[in-house]
Amino acid sequence: MIRTPTFSIGLLLLLIGYTAAGPEPDVQPRTVRSSVCQEHTSLHNRLDAVEKKVEDTVGELEVELVALLDDIQDPQWRPLLENAGKTVDILEEPVLN
């Protein structure tokens, strides 16, 4: 496709005019941007603290779950597991074989 020199000059003038217009009016001053950056950093720090707390809680729950599963597999609970599908009174003392 062949472009006319008028088109190229017009495009060049449009780009020069856009560049010469200066900064966009909604660009905030440095002090405002600095404040926003500090808030952003503070937010990330708080999110990191929450993430660490969640990870610690999940770790504690995993430890408790392992202990609970070990307790369930204990021989005194085995009759309850073997009677799956049958009605079992959980308040009754387990019967050991």
Protein backbone atom coordinates (compact mmCIF):
# COMPACT_ATOMS: atom_id res chain seq x y z
CA MET A 1 0.00 0.00 0.00
CA ILE A 2 1.44 3.36 -1.03
CA ARG A 3 0.92 6.27 1.36
CA THR A 4 0.88 9.82 0.22
CA PRO A 5 3.36 12.26 1.74
CA THR A 6 0.42 14.33 3.01
CA PHE A 7 -0.80 11.42 5.13
CA SER A 8 2.67 10.91 6.66
CA ILE A 9 3.10 14.61 7.41
CA GLY A 10 -0.37 14.79 8.93
CA LEU A 11 0.34 11.79 11.17
CA LEU A 12 3.69 13.30 12.18
CA LEU A 13 2.04 16.62 13.08
CA LEU A 14 -0.63 14.80 15.08
CA LEU A 15 2.03 12.95 17.10
CA ILE A 16 4.02 16.17 17.67
CA GLY A 17 0.87 17.95 18.85
CA TYR A 18 -0.01 15.12 21.21
CA THR A 19 3.51 15.12 22.66
CA ALA A 20 3.69 18.91 22.98
CA ALA A 21 0.36 19.05 24.83
CA GLY A 22 2.18 18.18 28.04
CA PRO A 23 1.37 15.78 30.82
CA GLU A 24 -2.12 14.46 31.26
CA PRO A 25 -4.22 16.55 33.66
CA ASP A 26 -5.06 13.64 35.96
CA VAL A 27 -1.42 12.90 36.86
CA GLN A 28 -1.10 13.44 40.60
CA PRO A 29 1.66 15.45 42.30
CA ARG A 30 4.64 13.57 43.71
CA THR A 31 3.51 13.93 47.35
CA VAL A 32 0.12 12.39 46.54
CA ARG A 33 1.72 9.57 44.56
CA SER A 34 4.15 8.96 47.43
CA SER A 35 1.24 8.75 49.86
CA VAL A 36 -0.56 6.31 47.57
CA CYS A 37 2.60 4.19 47.28
CA GLN A 38 2.92 4.09 51.07
CA GLU A 39 -0.71 3.00 51.41
CA HIS A 40 -0.14 0.35 48.75
CA THR A 41 2.95 -0.94 50.56
CA SER A 42 1.08 -0.91 53.87
CA LEU A 43 -1.76 -2.89 52.33
CA HIS A 44 0.68 -5.49 51.00
CA ASN A 45 2.33 -5.77 54.41
CA ARG A 46 -1.03 -6.37 56.07
CA LEU A 47 -1.96 -8.94 53.43
CA ASP A 48 1.38 -10.69 54.02
CA ALA A 49 0.62 -10.81 57.77
CA VAL A 50 -2.84 -12.27 57.10
CA GLU A 51 -1.38 -14.82 54.69
CA LYS A 52 1.19 -15.91 57.29
CA LYS A 53 -1.52 -16.22 59.95
CA VAL A 54 -3.66 -18.34 57.59
CA GLU A 55 -0.70 -20.58 56.74
CA ASP A 56 0.08 -21.04 60.46
CA THR A 57 -3.55 -21.87 61.20
CA VAL A 58 -3.68 -24.38 58.35
CA GLY A 59 -0.49 -25.99 59.67
CA GLU A 60 -2.00 -26.30 63.16
CA LEU A 61 -5.20 -27.78 61.71
CA GLU A 62 -3.19 -30.34 59.75
CA VAL A 63 -1.42 -31.42 62.96
CA GLU A 64 -4.76 -31.71 64.78
CA LEU A 65 -6.28 -33.65 61.88
CA VAL A 66 -3.40 -36.15 61.91
CA ALA A 67 -3.83 -36.61 65.66
CA LEU A 68 -7.59 -37.07 65.24
CA LEU A 69 -7.12 -39.64 62.47
CA ASP A 70 -4.61 -41.51 64.65
CA ASP A 71 -7.14 -41.53 67.51
CA ILE A 72 -9.90 -42.81 65.23
CA GLN A 73 -7.70 -45.68 64.06
CA ASP A 74 -7.08 -46.64 67.70
CA PRO A 75 -8.36 -50.18 68.51
CA GLN A 76 -11.04 -48.92 70.90
CA TRP A 77 -12.80 -47.15 67.99
CA ARG A 78 -12.39 -49.99 65.50
CA PRO A 79 -15.80 -51.59 66.29
CA LEU A 80 -17.50 -48.35 65.31
CA LEU A 81 -15.68 -48.33 62.00
CA GLU A 82 -16.40 -52.00 61.32
CA ASN A 83 -20.13 -51.49 61.84
CA ALA A 84 -20.40 -48.99 59.01
CA GLY A 85 -23.99 -48.74 57.81
CA LYS A 86 -25.40 -50.01 61.11
CA THR A 87 -26.86 -47.86 63.85
CA VAL A 88 -24.31 -47.36 66.63
CA ASP A 89 -24.83 -45.63 69.96
CA ILE A 90 -21.80 -43.40 70.33
CA LEU A 91 -22.49 -42.83 74.04
CA GLU A 92 -22.15 -46.52 74.76
CA GLU A 93 -18.74 -47.86 75.83
CA PRO A 94 -16.95 -49.56 72.93
CA VAL A 95 -16.78 -53.34 73.09
CA LEU A 96 -13.25 -54.68 72.77
CA ASN A 97 -12.76 -58.10 71.20
